[in-house]
């Protein structure tokens, strides 16, 4: 569902960047290792510990995935052509700073949405090992990515982006993003 909706919303909001890669199925070997690991963990635990499944925990995970999916897709819709699957290193003529809607709640709703979705999938499956690993790896990935992306956003939008940073958090606790050094 996630991959189809990613492609579909990209087609609705940013048709110029729509391509088969927009399904996000072939973006990295690490993704497939993570997915395979979660399937293996689930199968082993289902075989060895069949009573390890807790419906309330799966419901919590489902709530996280739905919330994450909604946040990410709202971010894609609100940013429209400004939302891409790669960090923009050059400002495009249609690139505008979006600070309203879901971007008024957090600076990176797409990243927060992905974090909630990916960790939530592991909670649905009651995969304790992959839940911890997914949370750790995803947090570290976004810590680096947000830092890098915000360097460019400050370059593109200058003081307007710095003022936005001061008003709105990244959305992921513990990740402040890039901060301009002050003399």
C-alpha atoms as a PDB file:
ATOM      1  CA  UNK A   1       0.000   0.000   0.000  1.00  0.00           C
ATOM      2  CA  UNK A   2       2.762   2.457   0.948  1.00  0.00           C
ATOM      3  CA  UNK A   3       4.639   2.017  -2.317  1.00  0.00           C
ATOM      4  CA  UNK A   4       1.531   2.371  -4.460  1.00  0.00           C
ATOM      5  CA  UNK A   5       0.397   5.486  -2.583  1.00  0.00           C
ATOM      6  CA  UNK A   6       3.893   6.981  -2.906  1.00  0.00           C
ATOM      7  CA  UNK A   7       3.744   6.562  -6.686  1.00  0.00           C
ATOM      8  CA  UNK A   8       0.119   7.738  -6.901  1.00  0.00           C
ATOM      9  CA  UNK A   9       0.609  10.894  -4.809  1.00  0.00           C
ATOM     10  CA  UNK A  10       3.814  11.734  -6.692  1.00  0.00           C
ATOM     11  CA  UNK A  11       1.781  11.501  -9.900  1.00  0.00           C
ATOM     12  CA  UNK A  12      -0.892  13.807  -8.495  1.00  0.00           C
ATOM     13  CA  UNK A  13       1.400  16.415  -6.967  1.00  0.00           C
ATOM     14  CA  UNK A  14       4.662  16.344  -8.908  1.00  0.00           C
ATOM     15  CA  UNK A  15       4.059  14.769 -12.311  1.00  0.00           C
ATOM     16  CA  UNK A  16       7.407  16.002 -13.660  1.00  0.00           C
ATOM     17  CA  UNK A  17       9.295  13.766 -11.230  1.00  0.00           C
ATOM     18  CA  UNK A  18       7.066  10.692 -11.703  1.00  0.00           C
ATOM     19  CA  UNK A  19       8.979   7.625 -12.873  1.00  0.00           C
ATOM     20  CA  UNK A  20       9.043   3.922 -11.980  1.00  0.00           C
ATOM     21  CA  UNK A  21      11.511   4.738  -9.183  1.00  0.00           C
ATOM     22  CA  UNK A  22       8.691   6.709  -7.516  1.00  0.00           C
ATOM     23  CA  UNK A  23       7.386   3.421  -6.112  1.00  0.00           C
ATOM     24  CA  UNK A  24      10.525   3.499  -3.912  1.00  0.00           C
ATOM     25  CA  UNK A  25      11.042  -0.218  -4.360  1.00  0.00           C
ATOM     26  CA  UNK A  26      14.534  -0.059  -5.819  1.00  0.00           C
ATOM     27  CA  UNK A  27      16.175   2.742  -3.900  1.00  0.00           C
ATOM     28  CA  UNK A  28      18.724   0.748  -1.872  1.00  0.00           C
ATOM     29  CA  UNK A  29      20.074  -2.634  -0.965  1.00  0.00           C
ATOM     30  CA  UNK A  30      19.723  -1.635   2.701  1.00  0.00           C
ATOM     31  CA  UNK A  31      15.955  -1.314   2.241  1.00  0.00           C
ATOM     32  CA  UNK A  32      15.667  -4.883   0.951  1.00  0.00           C
ATOM     33  CA  UNK A  33      17.942  -6.206   3.683  1.00  0.00           C
ATOM     34  CA  UNK A  34      15.717  -4.489   6.261  1.00  0.00           C
ATOM     35  CA  UNK A  35      12.516  -5.821   4.683  1.00  0.00           C
ATOM     36  CA  UNK A  36      13.914  -9.351   4.418  1.00  0.00           C
ATOM     37  CA  UNK A  37      15.146  -9.219   8.008  1.00  0.00           C
ATOM     38  CA  UNK A  38      11.691  -8.271   9.237  1.00  0.00           C
ATOM     39  CA  UNK A  39      10.091 -11.169   7.359  1.00  0.00           C
ATOM     40  CA  UNK A  40      12.669 -13.612   8.729  1.00  0.00           C
ATOM     41  CA  UNK A  41      12.242 -12.315  12.285  1.00  0.00           C
ATOM     42  CA  UNK A  42       8.460 -12.588  12.016  1.00  0.00           C
ATOM     43  CA  UNK A  43       8.644 -16.157  10.648  1.00  0.00           C
ATOM     44  CA  UNK A  44      11.092 -17.322  13.320  1.00  0.00           C
ATOM     45  CA  UNK A  45       9.097 -15.757  16.141  1.00  0.00           C
ATOM     46  CA  UNK A  46       5.801 -17.108  14.785  1.00  0.00           C
ATOM     47  CA  UNK A  47       7.320 -20.607  14.706  1.00  0.00           C
ATOM     48  CA  UNK A  48       9.244 -20.515  18.006  1.00  0.00           C
ATOM     49  CA  UNK A  49       6.996 -18.193  20.029  1.00  0.00           C
ATOM     50  CA  UNK A  50       3.456 -18.459  18.637  1.00  0.00           C
ATOM     51  CA  UNK A  51       2.022 -16.740  21.741  1.00  0.00           C
ATOM     52  CA  UNK A  52       4.265 -13.702  21.304  1.00  0.00           C
ATOM     53  CA  UNK A  53       1.591 -11.890  19.287  1.00  0.00           C
ATOM     54  CA  UNK A  54      -0.315  -9.121  21.109  1.00  0.00           C
ATOM     55  CA  UNK A  55      -3.298  -7.593  19.259  1.00  0.00           C
ATOM     56  CA  UNK A  56      -3.107  -4.324  21.213  1.00  0.00           C
ATOM     57  CA  UNK A  57       0.538  -3.935  20.168  1.00  0.00           C
ATOM     58  CA  UNK A  58      -0.339  -4.572  16.538  1.00  0.00           C
ATOM     59  CA  UNK A  59      -3.116  -1.984  16.832  1.00  0.00           C
ATOM     60  CA  UNK A  60      -0.564   0.534  18.154  1.00  0.00           C
ATOM     61  CA  UNK A  61       1.689  -0.254  15.178  1.00  0.00           C
ATOM     62  CA  UNK A  62      -1.227   0.081  12.776  1.00  0.00           C
ATOM     63  CA  UNK A  63      -2.061   3.476  14.283  1.00  0.00           C
ATOM     64  CA  UNK A  64       1.557   4.540  13.797  1.00  0.00           C
ATOM     65  CA  UNK A  65       1.650   3.400  10.165  1.00  0.00           C
ATOM     66  CA  UNK A  66      -1.622   5.138   9.331  1.00  0.00           C
ATOM     67  CA  UNK A  67      -0.510   8.342  11.064  1.00  0.00           C
ATOM     68  CA  UNK A  68       2.857   8.167   9.302  1.00  0.00           C
ATOM     69  CA  UNK A  69       1.256   7.538   5.926  1.00  0.00           C
ATOM     70  CA  UNK A  70      -1.115  10.491   6.363  1.00  0.00           C
ATOM     71  CA  UNK A  71       1.674  12.837   7.513  1.00  0.00           C
ATOM     72  CA  UNK A  72       3.934  11.867   4.629  1.00  0.00           C
ATOM     73  CA  UNK A  73       1.235  12.179   1.989  1.00  0.00           C
ATOM     74  CA  UNK A  74       0.053  15.533   3.402  1.00  0.00           C
ATOM     75  CA  UNK A  75       3.666  16.711   3.212  1.00  0.00           C
ATOM     76  CA  UNK A  76       3.858  15.585  -0.404  1.00  0.00           C
ATOM     77  CA  UNK A  77       0.589  17.335  -1.252  1.00  0.00           C
ATOM     78  CA  UNK A  78       1.414  20.592   0.538  1.00  0.00           C
ATOM     79  CA  UNK A  79       4.936  20.829  -0.914  1.00  0.00           C
ATOM     80  CA  UNK A  80       3.787  19.631  -4.348  1.00  0.00           C
ATOM     81  CA  UNK A  81       6.655  20.061  -6.835  1.00  0.00           C
ATOM     82  CA  UNK A  82       8.959  20.971  -3.941  1.00  0.00           C
ATOM     83  CA  UNK A  83       8.709  17.421  -2.561  1.00  0.00           C
ATOM     84  CA  UNK A  84      11.213  15.138  -4.216  1.00  0.00           C
ATOM     85  CA  UNK A  85      12.749  11.805  -3.303  1.00  0.00           C
ATOM     86  CA  UNK A  86      16.260  13.235  -3.647  1.00  0.00           C
ATOM     87  CA  UNK A  87      17.715  16.232  -1.817  1.00  0.00           C
ATOM     88  CA  UNK A  88      17.595  19.254  -4.115  1.00  0.00           C
ATOM     89  CA  UNK A  89      21.063  20.747  -4.445  1.00  0.00           C
ATOM     90  CA  UNK A  90      19.937  23.526  -6.790  1.00  0.00           C
ATOM     91  CA  UNK A  91      16.929  25.748  -6.303  1.00  0.00           C
ATOM     92  CA  UNK A  92      14.401  25.158  -9.059  1.00  0.00           C
ATOM     93  CA  UNK A  93      12.314  28.050 -10.384  1.00  0.00           C
ATOM     94  CA  UNK A  94       9.145  26.446  -8.953  1.00  0.00           C
ATOM     95  CA  UNK A  95      10.784  25.810  -5.558  1.00  0.00           C
ATOM     96  CA  UNK A  96       8.941  27.714  -2.837  1.00  0.00           C
ATOM     97  CA  UNK A  97       9.258  27.627   0.945  1.00  0.00           C
ATOM     98  CA  UNK A  98       6.163  25.896   2.337  1.00  0.00           C
ATOM     99  CA  UNK A  99       5.403  26.817   5.954  1.00  0.00           C
ATOM    100  CA  UNK A 100       1.636  26.304   6.103  1.00  0.00           C
ATOM    101  CA  UNK A 101      -0.529  23.233   6.530  1.00  0.00           C
ATOM    102  CA  UNK A 102       1.336  20.221   7.872  1.00  0.00           C
ATOM    103  CA  UNK A 103       4.595  22.180   7.438  1.00  0.00           C
ATOM    104  CA  UNK A 104       3.302  24.552  10.113  1.00  0.00           C
ATOM    105  CA  UNK A 105       3.371  21.605  12.542  1.00  0.00           C
ATOM    106  CA  UNK A 106       6.793  20.188  11.634  1.00  0.00           C
ATOM    107  CA  UNK A 107       9.488  21.030   9.105  1.00  0.00           C
ATOM    108  CA  UNK A 108       9.837  17.502   7.766  1.00  0.00           C
ATOM    109  CA  UNK A 109       6.457  15.733   7.763  1.00  0.00           C
ATOM    110  CA  UNK A 110       7.614  13.321   5.066  1.00  0.00           C
ATOM    111  CA  UNK A 111      10.519  12.134   7.192  1.00  0.00           C
ATOM    112  CA  UNK A 112       8.456  11.965  10.378  1.00  0.00           C
ATOM    113  CA  UNK A 113       5.803  10.063   8.445  1.00  0.00           C
ATOM    114  CA  UNK A 114       8.342   7.575   7.106  1.00  0.00           C
ATOM    115  CA  UNK A 115       9.826   7.061  10.590  1.00  0.00           C
ATOM    116  CA  UNK A 116       6.385   6.368  12.085  1.00  0.00           C
ATOM    117  CA  UNK A 117       5.430   4.132   9.169  1.00  0.00           C
ATOM    118  CA  UNK A 118       8.604   2.047   9.137  1.00  0.00           C
ATOM    119  CA  UNK A 119       8.784   1.502  12.908  1.00  0.00           C
ATOM    120  CA  UNK A 120       5.016   0.959  13.017  1.00  0.00           C
ATOM    121  CA  UNK A 121       5.266  -1.890  10.510  1.00  0.00           C
ATOM    122  CA  UNK A 122       7.583  -3.724  12.887  1.00  0.00           C
ATOM    123  CA  UNK A 123       5.321  -3.104  15.865  1.00  0.00           C
ATOM    124  CA  UNK A 124       2.393  -4.536  13.863  1.00  0.00           C
ATOM    125  CA  UNK A 125       4.456  -7.696  13.351  1.00  0.00           C
ATOM    126  CA  UNK A 126       5.553  -7.752  17.039  1.00  0.00           C
ATOM    127  CA  UNK A 127       9.191  -7.811  15.858  1.00  0.00           C
ATOM    128  CA  UNK A 128      11.178  -6.486  18.855  1.00  0.00           C
ATOM    129  CA  UNK A 129      14.605  -6.750  17.215  1.00  0.00           C
ATOM    130  CA  UNK A 130      13.625  -5.082  13.931  1.00  0.00           C
ATOM    131  CA  UNK A 131      11.596  -2.453  15.810  1.00  0.00           C
ATOM    132  CA  UNK A 132      14.752  -1.349  17.644  1.00  0.00           C
ATOM    133  CA  UNK A 133      16.995  -1.634  14.586  1.00  0.00           C
ATOM    134  CA  UNK A 134      14.526   0.189  12.305  1.00  0.00           C
ATOM    135  CA  UNK A 135      14.140   3.010  14.851  1.00  0.00           C
ATOM    136  CA  UNK A 136      17.905   3.363  15.300  1.00  0.00           C
ATOM    137  CA  UNK A 137      18.820   3.206  11.613  1.00  0.00           C
ATOM    138  CA  UNK A 138      15.957   5.450  10.485  1.00  0.00           C
ATOM    139  CA  UNK A 139      16.733   8.045  13.168  1.00  0.00           C
ATOM    140  CA  UNK A 140      20.408   8.166  12.170  1.00  0.00           C
ATOM    141  CA  UNK A 141      19.566   8.314   8.470  1.00  0.00           C
ATOM    142  CA  UNK A 142      17.207  11.254   8.972  1.00  0.00           C
ATOM    143  CA  UNK A 143      19.566  13.017  11.359  1.00  0.00           C
ATOM    144  CA  UNK A 144      22.163  13.128   8.561  1.00  0.00           C
ATOM    145  CA  UNK A 145      19.658  13.776   5.782  1.00  0.00           C
ATOM    146  CA  UNK A 146      17.858  16.630   7.550  1.00  0.00           C
ATOM    147  CA  UNK A 147      21.179  18.285   8.402  1.00  0.00           C
ATOM    148  CA  UNK A 148      22.267  18.076   4.764  1.00  0.00           C
ATOM    149  CA  UNK A 149      18.906  19.139   3.332  1.00  0.00           C
ATOM    150  CA  UNK A 150      18.592  22.132   5.639  1.00  0.00           C
ATOM    151  CA  UNK A 151      22.003  23.423   4.573  1.00  0.00           C
ATOM    152  CA  UNK A 152      20.579  23.723   1.063  1.00  0.00           C
ATOM    153  CA  UNK A 153      17.263  25.138   2.258  1.00  0.00           C
ATOM    154  CA  UNK A 154      19.127  27.932   4.065  1.00  0.00           C
ATOM    155  CA  UNK A 155      21.131  28.524   0.889  1.00  0.00           C
ATOM    156  CA  UNK A 156      17.896  28.670  -1.167  1.00  0.00           C
ATOM    157  CA  UNK A 157      15.709  30.688   1.200  1.00  0.00           C
ATOM    158  CA  UNK A 158      18.164  32.414   3.547  1.00  0.00           C
ATOM    159  CA  UNK A 159      16.744  34.250   6.535  1.00  0.00           C
ATOM    160  CA  UNK A 160      13.193  33.093   5.745  1.00  0.00           C
ATOM    161  CA  UNK A 161      14.201  29.480   6.357  1.00  0.00           C
ATOM    162  CA  UNK A 162      16.175  30.371   9.491  1.00  0.00           C
ATOM    163  CA  UNK A 163      13.092  32.170  10.872  1.00  0.00           C
ATOM    164  CA  UNK A 164      10.985  29.101  10.008  1.00  0.00           C
ATOM    165  CA  UNK A 165      13.473  26.854  11.848  1.00  0.00           C
ATOM    166  CA  UNK A 166      13.114  29.015  14.945  1.00  0.00           C
ATOM    167  CA  UNK A 167       9.312  28.658  14.920  1.00  0.00           C
ATOM    168  CA  UNK A 168       8.823  25.035  13.854  1.00  0.00           C
ATOM    169  CA  UNK A 169      10.654  21.887  15.017  1.00  0.00           C
ATOM    170  CA  UNK A 170      11.881  19.214  12.600  1.00  0.00           C
ATOM    171  CA  UNK A 171       9.188  16.855  13.863  1.00  0.00           C
ATOM    172  CA  UNK A 172      11.607  14.150  14.991  1.00  0.00           C
ATOM    173  CA  UNK A 173      12.626  14.550  18.652  1.00  0.00           C
ATOM    174  CA  UNK A 174      16.392  14.765  19.063  1.00  0.00           C
ATOM    175  CA  UNK A 175      17.033  16.006  15.524  1.00  0.00           C
ATOM    176  CA  UNK A 176      17.503  19.782  15.472  1.00  0.00           C
ATOM    177  CA  UNK A 177      18.558  19.980  11.822  1.00  0.00           C
ATOM    178  CA  UNK A 178      21.205  22.326  10.454  1.00  0.00           C
ATOM    179  CA  UNK A 179      21.838  25.442  12.487  1.00  0.00           C
ATOM    180  CA  UNK A 180      23.618  28.444  11.028  1.00  0.00           C
ATOM    181  CA  UNK A 181      26.745  29.252  13.043  1.00  0.00           C
ATOM    182  CA  UNK A 182      26.561  32.667  14.671  1.00  0.00           C
ATOM    183  CA  UNK A 183      29.648  34.762  15.305  1.00  0.00           C
END
